[in-house]
Amino acid sequence: MKIIVGLGNPGPKYAANRHNIGFMAVDALHRKHPFGPWSKKFKAEISEGEIAGEKVLLMKPQTFMNLSGEAVGEAMRFYKLGPGDIIAIHDELDLPASKVKLKVGGGHGGHNGLKSLDAHCGRDYKRLRLGIGHPGSKEQVHNHVLGDFAKVDQGWLDELMDDIAINAELLFDGDGSKFMNKLAPPPPKAEKKDAGAPKAQAAPKAQSHIHQARNHKPDLPATGPMADMLKRMFGKKD
């Protein structure tokens, strides 16, 4: 069994916040795959189901971000799972908006949700980091993460949530590199060289000196003794 936990804050006040992108991703998984209705257990909203035959527990901790690990740790112990069975989806300030990275273990980077998970579950779980961009200064961070996504973000946000849900089964595969390859944008098509350039006209084929001589019509005199002689030599015979 795997636990996929989205990190965020409960309640409609925070629903559209950048800090709640983890909740949004888990909701997308719930819509795309066969999961039961949401219920409350382990201080979280949970739903059991399957992704590509793998039994999965979706979690949205209701403890607020800073205590997310309490909920996940309780579920982990109940199902006798280890950190390697957990995938945490969370917002990442240090990634540009719409960019994604996946890693196993590591530090919390100042993210209070991850700090709580580390304390209650250990560090060796997968972290799906979803970029929300940095506002530019430390003073702006609080309002940025607890601010709603702008309308201009909605296009890439919806597309990213769909891509995560569609390719979720690859999250369980090794280090998740196949999953990341699916999310990576396709490389730009190589432009054909000299596309649209006018084609150079082929040079005329060289002719032999004999052929040239046959095709060459010399200027013949029209009158005089030479003209009379040539007419006698080459003129048509009756």
Foldseek 3Di string as FASTA:
>chain_A
DAEEEEAFEDDPLQCQFLFRLRVVLLVLLPVQFDWDDWDDDLQWTWIWDDDPNDTYIYTYHHPHQLQLLSSVLVVCVVVVHAQQRYEYEGEDAVDAALDKDKFFFDDPVPRNNLVNNCVRHNGGHMYIYGYPYHPPDPVCRVCRRSPGDDPVSPVSSVVSSNLCNVLVVLVNPPRSVVSVVSSDDDDDDDDDPCVPPDDDDDDDDDDDPVVVVVPDDDDDDPDDPRNVVVCVVPNDDD
